[in-house]
Amino acid sequence: MENINNLNELHTFINNNTFAFLYVSSKTCSVCTPLSYKVEEMLSGFPNISLKKMDLDELPEVGSTLSLFTVPMLILFVEGRETFRESRFVKINEFKENIKRIYEIYYS
């Protein structure tokens, strides 16, 4: 998973990908790293979703721009618009079903 390093890079990522998925974590989050592996594996089943991660500790200005108040935060953008957001206690199976529903609606 590649990192977002600044606000301009984030905007470019969101606007240049039909499906842009952002995984937000922090260094103090104990569940963020294990969850990131599960999310990355789960999203491998959706080839048209581009995935990047961001460390909220390193880019606090992005946190205020996107209203990020907790981690982990998982956000799906479709055509530049936030379409789905999940945070804190993420149930992978439910999360996958929500992503699948959005993905299938778009591609049907």
PDB file of N, CA and C in Angstrom:
ATOM      1  N   MET A   1       0.852  -1.172   0.000  1.00  0.00           N
ATOM      2  CA  MET A   1       0.000   0.000   0.000  1.00  0.00           C
ATOM      3  C   MET A   1       0.900   1.239   0.000  1.00  0.00           C
ATOM      4  N   GLU A   2       0.687   2.119  -0.959  1.00  0.00           N
ATOM      5  CA  GLU A   2       1.474   3.348  -1.054  1.00  0.00           C
ATOM      6  C   GLU A   2       0.928   4.411  -0.113  1.00  0.00           C
ATOM      7  N   ASN A   3       1.818   5.330   0.287  1.00  0.00           N
ATOM      8  CA  ASN A   3       1.454   6.402   1.209  1.00  0.00           C
ATOM      9  C   ASN A   3       1.057   7.678   0.487  1.00  0.00           C
ATOM     10  N   ILE A   4       0.147   8.416   1.088  1.00  0.00           N
ATOM     11  CA  ILE A   4      -0.163   9.793   0.697  1.00  0.00           C
ATOM     12  C   ILE A   4       0.753  10.671   1.543  1.00  0.00           C
ATOM     13  N   ASN A   5       1.477  11.581   0.886  1.00  0.00           N
ATOM     14  CA  ASN A   5       2.462  12.383   1.611  1.00  0.00           C
ATOM     15  C   ASN A   5       2.083  13.845   1.807  1.00  0.00           C
ATOM     16  N   ASN A   6       1.058  14.320   1.088  1.00  0.00           N
ATOM     17  CA  ASN A   6       0.633  15.707   1.263  1.00  0.00           C
ATOM     18  C   ASN A   6      -0.791  15.871   0.731  1.00  0.00           C
ATOM     19  N   LEU A   7      -1.366  17.015   0.994  1.00  0.00           N
ATOM     20  CA  LEU A   7      -2.753  17.279   0.625  1.00  0.00           C
ATOM     21  C   LEU A   7      -2.948  17.276  -0.885  1.00  0.00           C
ATOM     22  N   ASN A   8      -1.997  17.830  -1.633  1.00  0.00           N
ATOM     23  CA  ASN A   8      -2.112  17.836  -3.100  1.00  0.00           C
ATOM     24  C   ASN A   8      -2.108  16.421  -3.660  1.00  0.00           C
ATOM     25  N   GLU A   9      -1.268  15.576  -3.104  1.00  0.00           N
ATOM     26  CA  GLU A   9      -1.212  14.181  -3.539  1.00  0.00           C
ATOM     27  C   GLU A   9      -2.537  13.475  -3.260  1.00  0.00           C
ATOM     28  N   LEU A  10      -3.159  13.796  -2.147  1.00  0.00           N
ATOM     29  CA  LEU A  10      -4.462  13.216  -1.810  1.00  0.00           C
ATOM     30  C   LEU A  10      -5.518  13.637  -2.832  1.00  0.00           C
ATOM     31  N   HIS A  11      -5.573  14.930  -3.129  1.00  0.00           N
ATOM     32  CA  HIS A  11      -6.560  15.416  -4.100  1.00  0.00           C
ATOM     33  C   HIS A  11      -6.333  14.798  -5.480  1.00  0.00           C
ATOM     34  N   THR A  12      -5.087  14.669  -5.886  1.00  0.00           N
ATOM     35  CA  THR A  12      -4.772  14.050  -7.173  1.00  0.00           C
ATOM     36  C   THR A  12      -5.228  12.598  -7.183  1.00  0.00           C
ATOM     37  N   PHE A  13      -4.948  11.876  -6.114  1.00  0.00           N
ATOM     38  CA  PHE A  13      -5.346  10.471  -6.005  1.00  0.00           C
ATOM     39  C   PHE A  13      -6.867  10.320  -6.106  1.00  0.00           C
ATOM     40  N   ILE A  14      -7.591  11.132  -5.366  1.00  0.00           N
ATOM     41  CA  ILE A  14      -9.056  11.044  -5.359  1.00  0.00           C
ATOM     42  C   ILE A  14      -9.640  11.404  -6.726  1.00  0.00           C
ATOM     43  N   ASN A  15      -9.115  12.430  -7.348  1.00  0.00           N
ATOM     44  CA  ASN A  15      -9.682  12.921  -8.597  1.00  0.00           C
ATOM     45  C   ASN A  15      -9.241  12.147  -9.836  1.00  0.00           C
ATOM     46  N   ASN A  16      -8.134  11.422  -9.760  1.00  0.00           N
ATOM     47  CA  ASN A  16      -7.626  10.701 -10.928  1.00  0.00           C
ATOM     48  C   ASN A  16      -7.995   9.225 -10.946  1.00  0.00           C
ATOM     49  N   ASN A  17      -8.745   8.763  -9.962  1.00  0.00           N
ATOM     50  CA  ASN A  17      -9.153   7.360  -9.900  1.00  0.00           C
ATOM     51  C   ASN A  17     -10.668   7.295  -9.744  1.00  0.00           C
ATOM     52  N   THR A  18     -11.308   6.486 -10.574  1.00  0.00           N
ATOM     53  CA  THR A  18     -12.761   6.333 -10.468  1.00  0.00           C
ATOM     54  C   THR A  18     -13.126   5.841  -9.081  1.00  0.00           C
ATOM     55  N   PHE A  19     -12.423   4.794  -8.616  1.00  0.00           N
ATOM     56  CA  PHE A  19     -12.582   4.275  -7.258  1.00  0.00           C
ATOM     57  C   PHE A  19     -11.270   4.507  -6.518  1.00  0.00           C
ATOM     58  N   ALA A  20     -11.283   5.400  -5.538  1.00  0.00           N
ATOM     59  CA  ALA A  20     -10.097   5.689  -4.733  1.00  0.00           C
ATOM     60  C   ALA A  20     -10.419   5.326  -3.286  1.00  0.00           C
ATOM     61  N   PHE A  21      -9.605   4.453  -2.720  1.00  0.00           N
ATOM     62  CA  PHE A  21      -9.825   4.011  -1.349  1.00  0.00           C
ATOM     63  C   PHE A  21      -8.687   4.525  -0.479  1.00  0.00           C
ATOM     64  N   LEU A  22      -9.040   5.220   0.595  1.00  0.00           N
ATOM     65  CA  LEU A  22      -8.048   5.786   1.505  1.00  0.00           C
ATOM     66  C   LEU A  22      -8.132   5.092   2.856  1.00  0.00           C
ATOM     67  N   TYR A  23      -6.983   4.580   3.302  1.00  0.00           N
ATOM     68  CA  TYR A  23      -6.887   3.946   4.619  1.00  0.00           C
ATOM     69  C   TYR A  23      -6.107   4.894   5.517  1.00  0.00           C
ATOM     70  N   VAL A  24      -6.727   5.393   6.562  1.00  0.00           N
ATOM     71  CA  VAL A  24      -6.103   6.363   7.459  1.00  0.00           C
ATOM     72  C   VAL A  24      -5.780   5.686   8.785  1.00  0.00           C
ATOM     73  N   SER A  25      -4.533   5.841   9.214  1.00  0.00           N
ATOM     74  CA  SER A  25      -4.099   5.245  10.477  1.00  0.00           C
ATOM     75  C   SER A  25      -3.222   6.243  11.225  1.00  0.00           C
ATOM     76  N   SER A  26      -2.686   5.802  12.348  1.00  0.00           N
ATOM     77  CA  SER A  26      -1.715   6.604  13.098  1.00  0.00           C
ATOM     78  C   SER A  26      -0.721   5.660  13.770  1.00  0.00           C
ATOM     79  N   LYS A  27       0.369   6.235  14.199  1.00  0.00           N
ATOM     80  CA  LYS A  27       1.415   5.426  14.832  1.00  0.00           C
ATOM     81  C   LYS A  27       0.973   4.855  16.180  1.00  0.00           C
ATOM     82  N   THR A  28       0.034   5.504  16.829  1.00  0.00           N
ATOM     83  CA  THR A  28      -0.403   5.065  18.156  1.00  0.00           C
ATOM     84  C   THR A  28      -1.582   4.093  18.117  1.00  0.00           C
ATOM     85  N   CYS A  29      -2.053   3.777  16.932  1.00  0.00           N
ATOM     86  CA  CYS A  29      -3.198   2.879  16.782  1.00  0.00           C
ATOM     87  C   CYS A  29      -2.722   1.423  16.765  1.00  0.00           C
ATOM     88  N   SER A  30      -3.140   0.654  17.731  1.00  0.00           N
ATOM     89  CA  SER A  30      -2.675  -0.734  17.836  1.00  0.00           C
ATOM     90  C   SER A  30      -3.342  -1.675  16.841  1.00  0.00           C
ATOM     91  N   VAL A  31      -4.537  -1.358  16.389  1.00  0.00           N
ATOM     92  CA  VAL A  31      -5.225  -2.246  15.449  1.00  0.00           C
ATOM     93  C   VAL A  31      -5.024  -1.839  13.988  1.00  0.00           C
ATOM     94  N   CYS A  32      -4.460  -0.677  13.755  1.00  0.00           N
ATOM     95  CA  CYS A  32      -4.356  -0.153  12.386  1.00  0.00           C
ATOM     96  C   CYS A  32      -3.511  -1.028  11.461  1.00  0.00           C
ATOM     97  N   THR A  33      -2.354  -1.469  11.911  1.00  0.00           N
ATOM     98  CA  THR A  33      -1.495  -2.268  11.034  1.00  0.00           C
ATOM     99  C   THR A  33      -2.120  -3.621  10.702  1.00  0.00           C
ATOM    100  N   PRO A  34      -2.575  -4.410  11.678  1.00  0.00           N
ATOM    101  CA  PRO A  34      -3.208  -5.688  11.316  1.00  0.00           C
ATOM    102  C   PRO A  34      -4.442  -5.503  10.431  1.00  0.00           C
ATOM    103  N   LEU A  35      -5.238  -4.478  10.704  1.00  0.00           N
ATOM    104  CA  LEU A  35      -6.425  -4.231   9.899  1.00  0.00           C
ATOM    105  C   LEU A  35      -6.054  -3.836   8.474  1.00  0.00           C
ATOM    106  N   SER A  36      -4.967  -3.092   8.309  1.00  0.00           N
ATOM    107  CA  SER A  36      -4.561  -2.671   6.963  1.00  0.00           C
ATOM    108  C   SER A  36      -4.260  -3.876   6.080  1.00  0.00           C
ATOM    109  N   TYR A  37      -3.666  -4.917   6.655  1.00  0.00           N
ATOM    110  CA  TYR A  37      -3.391  -6.134   5.872  1.00  0.00           C
ATOM    111  C   TYR A  37      -4.688  -6.815   5.442  1.00  0.00           C
ATOM    112  N   LYS A  38      -5.659  -6.854   6.335  1.00  0.00           N
ATOM    113  CA  LYS A  38      -6.951  -7.468   6.004  1.00  0.00           C
ATOM    114  C   LYS A  38      -7.685  -6.664   4.931  1.00  0.00           C
ATOM    115  N   VAL A  39      -7.642  -5.350   5.047  1.00  0.00           N
ATOM    116  CA  VAL A  39      -8.305  -4.489   4.071  1.00  0.00           C
ATOM    117  C   VAL A  39      -7.635  -4.627   2.707  1.00  0.00           C
ATOM    118  N   GLU A  40      -6.323  -4.626   2.700  1.00  0.00           N
ATOM    119  CA  GLU A  40      -5.591  -4.763   1.438  1.00  0.00           C
ATOM    120  C   GLU A  40      -5.911  -6.097   0.760  1.00  0.00           C
ATOM    121  N   GLU A  41      -5.956  -7.162   1.535  1.00  0.00           N
ATOM    122  CA  GLU A  41      -6.300  -8.476   0.994  1.00  0.00           C
ATOM    123  C   GLU A  41      -7.738  -8.498   0.474  1.00  0.00           C
ATOM    124  N   MET A  42      -8.659  -7.918   1.238  1.00  0.00           N
ATOM    125  CA  MET A  42     -10.056  -7.892   0.840  1.00  0.00           C
ATOM    126  C   MET A  42     -10.245  -7.089  -0.441  1.00  0.00           C
ATOM    127  N   LEU A  43      -9.580  -5.953  -0.555  1.00  0.00           N
ATOM    128  CA  LEU A  43      -9.743  -5.100  -1.735  1.00  0.00           C
ATOM    129  C   LEU A  43      -9.062  -5.659  -2.982  1.00  0.00           C
ATOM    130  N   SER A  44      -8.218  -6.658  -2.820  1.00  0.00           N
ATOM    131  CA  SER A  44      -7.588  -7.282  -3.994  1.00  0.00           C
ATOM    132  C   SER A  44      -8.641  -7.945  -4.888  1.00  0.00           C
ATOM    133  N   GLY A  45      -9.803  -8.222  -4.346  1.00  0.00           N
ATOM    134  CA  GLY A  45     -10.894  -8.789  -5.117  1.00  0.00           C
ATOM    135  C   GLY A  45     -11.660  -7.758  -5.943  1.00  0.00           C
ATOM    136  N   PHE A  46     -11.271  -6.493  -5.832  1.00  0.00           N
ATOM    137  CA  PHE A  46     -11.901  -5.407  -6.576  1.00  0.00           C
ATOM    138  C   PHE A  46     -10.814  -4.693  -7.393  1.00  0.00           C
ATOM    139  N   PRO A  47     -10.531  -5.185  -8.595  1.00  0.00           N
ATOM    140  CA  PRO A  47      -9.374  -4.704  -9.349  1.00  0.00           C
ATOM    141  C   PRO A  47      -9.425  -3.229  -9.757  1.00  0.00           C
ATOM    142  N   ASN A  48     -10.590  -2.621  -9.773  1.00  0.00           N
ATOM    143  CA  ASN A  48     -10.690  -1.221 -10.189  1.00  0.00           C
ATOM    144  C   ASN A  48     -10.631  -0.230  -9.033  1.00  0.00           C
ATOM    145  N   ILE A  49     -10.371  -0.723  -7.831  1.00  0.00           N
ATOM    146  CA  ILE A  49     -10.245   0.169  -6.680  1.00  0.00           C
ATOM    147  C   ILE A  49      -8.760   0.424  -6.417  1.00  0.00           C
ATOM    148  N   SER A  50      -8.376   1.702  -6.495  1.00  0.00           N
ATOM    149  CA  SER A  50      -7.003   2.109  -6.177  1.00  0.00           C
ATOM    150  C   SER A  50      -6.928   2.362  -4.675  1.00  0.00           C
ATOM    151  N   LEU A  51      -5.852   1.919  -4.067  1.00  0.00           N
ATOM    152  CA  LEU A  51      -5.717   1.955  -2.613  1.00  0.00           C
ATOM    153  C   LEU A  51      -4.459   2.696  -2.195  1.00  0.00           C
ATOM    154  N   LYS A  52      -4.617   3.621  -1.248  1.00  0.00           N
ATOM    155  CA  LYS A  52      -3.471   4.305  -0.635  1.00  0.00           C
ATOM    156  C   LYS A  52      -3.759   4.470   0.844  1.00  0.00           C
ATOM    157  N   LYS A  53      -2.685   4.682   1.600  1.00  0.00           N
ATOM    158  CA  LYS A  53      -2.852   4.898   3.039  1.00  0.00           C
ATOM    159  C   LYS A  53      -2.254   6.237   3.431  1.00  0.00           C
ATOM    160  N   MET A  54      -2.662   6.700   4.596  1.00  0.00           N
ATOM    161  CA  MET A  54      -2.198   7.972   5.106  1.00  0.00           C
ATOM    162  C   MET A  54      -2.050   7.887   6.617  1.00  0.00           C
ATOM    163  N   ASP A  55      -0.981   8.480   7.129  1.00  0.00           N
ATOM    164  CA  ASP A  55      -0.754   8.532   8.568  1.00  0.00           C
ATOM    165  C   ASP A  55      -1.255   9.879   9.069  1.00  0.00           C
ATOM    166  N   LEU A  56      -2.261   9.858   9.896  1.00  0.00           N
ATOM    167  CA  LEU A  56      -2.875  11.080  10.404  1.00  0.00           C
ATOM    168  C   LEU A  56      -1.893  11.898  11.252  1.00  0.00           C
ATOM    169  N   ASP A  57      -0.935  11.245  11.899  1.00  0.00           N
ATOM    170  CA  ASP A  57       0.066  11.959  12.695  1.00  0.00           C
ATOM    171  C   ASP A  57       0.948  12.834  11.813  1.00  0.00           C
ATOM    172  N   GLU A  58       1.220  12.365  10.615  1.00  0.00           N
ATOM    173  CA  GLU A  58       2.109  13.090   9.703  1.00  0.00           C
ATOM    174  C   GLU A  58       1.392  14.172   8.914  1.00  0.00           C
ATOM    175  N   LEU A  59       0.076  14.037   8.722  1.00  0.00           N
ATOM    176  CA  LEU A  59      -0.702  14.997   7.939  1.00  0.00           C
ATOM    177  C   LEU A  59      -1.970  15.438   8.675  1.00  0.00           C
ATOM    178  N   PRO A  60      -1.818  16.121   9.811  1.00  0.00           N
ATOM    179  CA  PRO A  60      -3.007  16.508  10.572  1.00  0.00           C
ATOM    180  C   PRO A  60      -3.924  17.464   9.809  1.00  0.00           C
ATOM    181  N   GLU A  61      -3.370  18.237   8.856  1.00  0.00           N
ATOM    182  CA  GLU A  61      -4.207  19.152   8.082  1.00  0.00           C
ATOM    183  C   GLU A  61      -5.206  18.401   7.204  1.00  0.00           C
ATOM    184  N   VAL A  62      -4.843  17.214   6.776  1.00  0.00           N
ATOM    185  CA  VAL A  62      -5.763  16.392   5.990  1.00  0.00           C
ATOM    186  C   VAL A  62      -6.889  15.902   6.891  1.00  0.00           C
ATOM    187  N   GLY A  63      -6.566  15.630   8.131  1.00  0.00           N
ATOM    188  CA  GLY A  63      -7.587  15.198   9.085  1.00  0.00           C
ATOM    189  C   GLY A  63      -8.695  16.221   9.227  1.00  0.00           C
ATOM    190  N   SER A  64      -8.328  17.484   9.291  1.00  0.00           N
ATOM    191  CA  SER A  64      -9.357  18.517   9.416  1.00  0.00           C
ATOM    192  C   SER A  64     -10.102  18.714   8.100  1.00  0.00           C
ATOM    193  N   THR A  65      -9.421  18.561   6.983  1.00  0.00           N
ATOM    194  CA  THR A  65     -10.062  18.706   5.672  1.00  0.00           C
ATOM    195  C   THR A  65     -11.120  17.642   5.446  1.00  0.00           C
ATOM    196  N   LEU A  66     -10.832  16.402   5.858  1.00  0.00           N
ATOM    197  CA  LEU A  66     -11.746  15.277   5.643  1.00  0.00           C
ATOM    198  C   LEU A  66     -12.581  14.925   6.875  1.00  0.00           C
ATOM    199  N   SER A  67     -12.501  15.736   7.912  1.00  0.00           N
ATOM    200  CA  SER A  67     -13.226  15.477   9.166  1.00  0.00           C
ATOM    201  C   SER A  67     -12.892  14.108   9.735  1.00  0.00           C
ATOM    202  N   LEU A  68     -11.609  13.871   9.920  1.00  0.00           N
ATOM    203  CA  LEU A  68     -11.129  12.603  10.485  1.00  0.00           C
ATOM    204  C   LEU A  68     -10.886  12.810  11.973  1.00  0.00           C
ATOM    205  N   PHE A  69     -11.682  12.150  12.791  1.00  0.00           N
ATOM    206  CA  PHE A  69     -11.582  12.332  14.231  1.00  0.00           C
ATOM    207  C   PHE A  69     -11.079  11.102  14.968  1.00  0.00           C
ATOM    208  N   THR A  70     -10.990   9.982  14.274  1.00  0.00           N
ATOM    209  CA  THR A  70     -10.533   8.750  14.897  1.00  0.00           C
ATOM    210  C   THR A  70      -9.867   7.880  13.842  1.00  0.00           C
ATOM    211  N   VAL A  71      -9.108   6.916  14.293  1.00  0.00           N
ATOM    212  CA  VAL A  71      -8.481   5.938  13.397  1.00  0.00           C
ATOM    213  C   VAL A  71      -8.751   4.555  13.945  1.00  0.00           C
ATOM    214  N   PRO A  72      -8.733   3.550  13.123  1.00  0.00           N
ATOM    215  CA  PRO A  72      -8.575   3.612  11.674  1.00  0.00           C
ATOM    216  C   PRO A  72      -9.821   4.178  11.007  1.00  0.00           C
ATOM    217  N   MET A  73      -9.599   4.819   9.875  1.00  0.00           N
ATOM    218  CA  MET A  73     -10.679   5.376   9.071  1.00  0.00           C
ATOM    219  C   MET A  73     -10.516   4.850   7.653  1.00  0.00           C
ATOM    220  N   LEU A  74     -11.573   4.302   7.102  1.00  0.00           N
ATOM    221  CA  LEU A  74     -11.556   3.737   5.757  1.00  0.00           C
ATOM    222  C   LEU A  74     -12.573   4.503   4.932  1.00  0.00           C
ATOM    223  N   ILE A  75     -12.118   5.108   3.826  1.00  0.00           N
ATOM    224  CA  ILE A  75     -12.991   5.960   3.029  1.00  0.00           C
ATOM    225  C   ILE A  75     -12.904   5.552   1.563  1.00  0.00           C
ATOM    226  N   LEU A  76     -14.053   5.367   0.947  1.00  0.00           N
ATOM    227  CA  LEU A  76     -14.126   5.066  -0.479  1.00  0.00           C
ATOM    228  C   LEU A  76     -14.671   6.285  -1.211  1.00  0.00           C
ATOM    229  N   PHE A  77     -13.913   6.740  -2.214  1.00  0.00           N
ATOM    230  CA  PHE A  77     -14.339   7.836  -3.075  1.00  0.00           C
ATOM    231  C   PHE A  77     -14.677   7.245  -4.438  1.00  0.00           C
ATOM    232  N   VAL A  78     -15.810   7.629  -4.985  1.00  0.00           N
ATOM    233  CA  VAL A  78     -16.202   7.207  -6.326  1.00  0.00           C
ATOM    234  C   VAL A  78     -16.378   8.470  -7.156  1.00  0.00           C
ATOM    235  N   GLU A  79     -15.612   8.548  -8.232  1.00  0.00           N
ATOM    236  CA  GLU A  79     -15.619   9.721  -9.105  1.00  0.00           C
ATOM    237  C   GLU A  79     -15.408  11.010  -8.316  1.00  0.00           C
ATOM    238  N   GLY A  80     -14.474  10.973  -7.368  1.00  0.00           N
ATOM    239  CA  GLY A  80     -14.110  12.159  -6.606  1.00  0.00           C
ATOM    240  C   GLY A  80     -14.995  12.495  -5.431  1.00  0.00           C
ATOM    241  N   ARG A  81     -16.032  11.709  -5.195  1.00  0.00           N
ATOM    242  CA  ARG A  81     -16.950  11.978  -4.080  1.00  0.00           C
ATOM    243  C   ARG A  81     -16.861  10.882  -3.033  1.00  0.00           C
ATOM    244  N   GLU A  82     -16.894  11.299  -1.777  1.00  0.00           N
ATOM    245  CA  GLU A  82     -16.912  10.303  -0.706  1.00  0.00           C
ATOM    246  C   GLU A  82     -18.226   9.544  -0.771  1.00  0.00           C
ATOM    247  N   THR A  83     -18.110   8.219  -0.862  1.00  0.00           N
ATOM    248  CA  THR A  83     -19.287   7.375  -1.024  1.00  0.00           C
ATOM    249  C   THR A  83     -19.538   6.497   0.186  1.00  0.00           C
ATOM    250  N   PHE A  84     -18.460   6.109   0.852  1.00  0.00           N
ATOM    251  CA  PHE A  84     -18.607   5.222   2.001  1.00  0.00           C
ATOM    252  C   PHE A  84     -17.475   5.484   2.981  1.00  0.00           C
ATOM    253  N   ARG A  85     -17.818   5.476   4.267  1.00  0.00           N
ATOM    254  CA  ARG A  85     -16.834   5.708   5.321  1.00  0.00           C
ATOM    255  C   ARG A  85     -17.104   4.743   6.467  1.00  0.00           C
ATOM    256  N   GLU A  86     -16.045   4.171   6.978  1.00  0.00           N
ATOM    257  CA  GLU A  86     -16.137   3.259   8.126  1.00  0.00           C
ATOM    258  C   GLU A  86     -14.972   3.611   9.053  1.00  0.00           C
ATOM    259  N   SER A  87     -15.222   3.576  10.340  1.00  0.00           N
ATOM    260  CA  SER A  87     -14.142   3.910  11.272  1.00  0.00           C
ATOM    261  C   SER A  87     -14.197   3.074  12.535  1.00  0.00           C
ATOM    262  N   ARG A  88     -13.097   3.135  13.230  1.00  0.00           N
ATOM    263  CA  ARG A  88     -12.906   2.521  14.533  1.00  0.00           C
ATOM    264  C   ARG A  88     -13.108   1.011  14.535  1.00  0.00           C
ATOM    265  N   PHE A  89     -14.274   0.530  14.820  1.00  0.00           N
ATOM    266  CA  PHE A  89     -14.524  -0.908  14.910  1.00  0.00           C
ATOM    267  C   PHE A  89     -15.071  -1.405  13.574  1.00  0.00           C
ATOM    268  N   VAL A  90     -14.183  -1.908  12.740  1.00  0.00           N
ATOM    269  CA  VAL A  90     -14.545  -2.313  11.382  1.00  0.00           C
ATOM    270  C   VAL A  90     -14.776  -3.816  11.340  1.00  0.00           C
ATOM    271  N   LYS A  91     -15.946  -4.207  10.921  1.00  0.00           N
ATOM    272  CA  LYS A  91     -16.260  -5.619  10.720  1.00  0.00           C
ATOM    273  C   LYS A  91     -16.010  -5.914   9.247  1.00  0.00           C
ATOM    274  N   ILE A  92     -14.958  -6.653   8.967  1.00  0.00           N
ATOM    275  CA  ILE A  92     -14.495  -6.868   7.597  1.00  0.00           C
ATOM    276  C   ILE A  92     -15.580  -7.436   6.693  1.00  0.00           C
ATOM    277  N   ASN A  93     -16.340  -8.405   7.151  1.00  0.00           N
ATOM    278  CA  ASN A  93     -17.368  -9.011   6.295  1.00  0.00           C
ATOM    279  C   ASN A  93     -18.451  -8.006   5.907  1.00  0.00           C
ATOM    280  N   GLU A  94     -18.923  -7.228   6.866  1.00  0.00           N
ATOM    281  CA  GLU A  94     -19.927  -6.215   6.566  1.00  0.00           C
ATOM    282  C   GLU A  94     -19.340  -5.131   5.669  1.00  0.00           C
ATOM    283  N   PHE A  95     -18.113  -4.756   5.966  1.00  0.00           N
ATOM    284  CA  PHE A  95     -17.420  -3.750   5.172  1.00  0.00           C
ATOM    285  C   PHE A  95     -17.287  -4.209   3.725  1.00  0.00           C
ATOM    286  N   LYS A  96     -16.903  -5.463   3.524  1.00  0.00           N
ATOM    287  CA  LYS A  96     -16.753  -6.019   2.179  1.00  0.00           C
ATOM    288  C   LYS A  96     -18.089  -6.010   1.437  1.00  0.00           C
ATOM    289  N   GLU A  97     -19.153  -6.362   2.101  1.00  0.00           N
ATOM    290  CA  GLU A  97     -20.476  -6.367   1.467  1.00  0.00           C
ATOM    291  C   GLU A  97     -20.894  -4.962   1.026  1.00  0.00           C
ATOM    292  N   ASN A  98     -20.594  -3.957   1.840  1.00  0.00           N
ATOM    293  CA  ASN A  98     -20.919  -2.579   1.477  1.00  0.00           C
ATOM    294  C   ASN A  98     -20.123  -2.126   0.254  1.00  0.00           C
ATOM    295  N   ILE A  99     -18.841  -2.443   0.234  1.00  0.00           N
ATOM    296  CA  ILE A  99     -17.992  -2.094  -0.908  1.00  0.00           C
ATOM    297  C   ILE A  99     -18.478  -2.837  -2.150  1.00  0.00           C
ATOM    298  N   LYS A 100     -18.786  -4.106  -1.996  1.00  0.00           N
ATOM    299  CA  LYS A 100     -19.249  -4.928  -3.120  1.00  0.00           C
ATOM    300  C   LYS A 100     -20.532  -4.356  -3.720  1.00  0.00           C
ATOM    301  N   ARG A 101     -21.451  -3.941  -2.869  1.00  0.00           N
ATOM    302  CA  ARG A 101     -22.716  -3.375  -3.332  1.00  0.00           C
ATOM    303  C   ARG A 101     -22.473  -2.120  -4.181  1.00  0.00           C
ATOM    304  N   ILE A 102     -21.633  -1.220  -3.695  1.00  0.00           N
ATOM    305  CA  ILE A 102     -21.317   0.011  -4.422  1.00  0.00           C
ATOM    306  C   ILE A 102     -20.615  -0.316  -5.738  1.00  0.00           C
ATOM    307  N   TYR A 103     -19.677  -1.224  -5.688  1.00  0.00           N
ATOM    308  CA  TYR A 103     -18.891  -1.627  -6.856  1.00  0.00           C
ATOM    309  C   TYR A 103     -19.796  -2.233  -7.925  1.00  0.00           C
ATOM    310  N   GLU A 104     -20.696  -3.109  -7.513  1.00  0.00           N
ATOM    311  CA  GLU A 104     -21.598  -3.788  -8.470  1.00  0.00           C
ATOM    312  C   GLU A 104     -22.620  -2.826  -9.059  1.00  0.00           C
ATOM    313  N   ILE A 105     -23.089  -1.876  -8.278  1.00  0.00           N
ATOM    314  CA  ILE A 105     -24.027  -0.882  -8.806  1.00  0.00           C
ATOM    315  C   ILE A 105     -23.332  -0.066  -9.900  1.00  0.00           C
ATOM    316  N   TYR A 106     -22.116   0.319  -9.647  1.00  0.00           N
ATOM    317  CA  TYR A 106     -21.380   1.127 -10.607  1.00  0.00           C
ATOM    318  C   TYR A 106     -21.096   0.365 -11.900  1.00  0.00           C
ATOM    319  N   TYR A 107     -20.736  -0.890 -11.774  1.00  0.00           N
ATOM    320  CA  TYR A 107     -20.336  -1.668 -12.940  1.00  0.00           C
ATOM    321  C   TYR A 107     -21.446  -2.539 -13.535  1.00  0.00           C
ATOM    322  N   SER A 108     -22.697  -2.352 -13.104  1.00  0.00           N
ATOM    323  CA  SER A 108     -23.772  -3.156 -13.696  1.00  0.00           C
ATOM    324  C   SER A 108     -24.473  -2.406 -14.811  1.00  0.00           C
TER     325      SER A 108
END
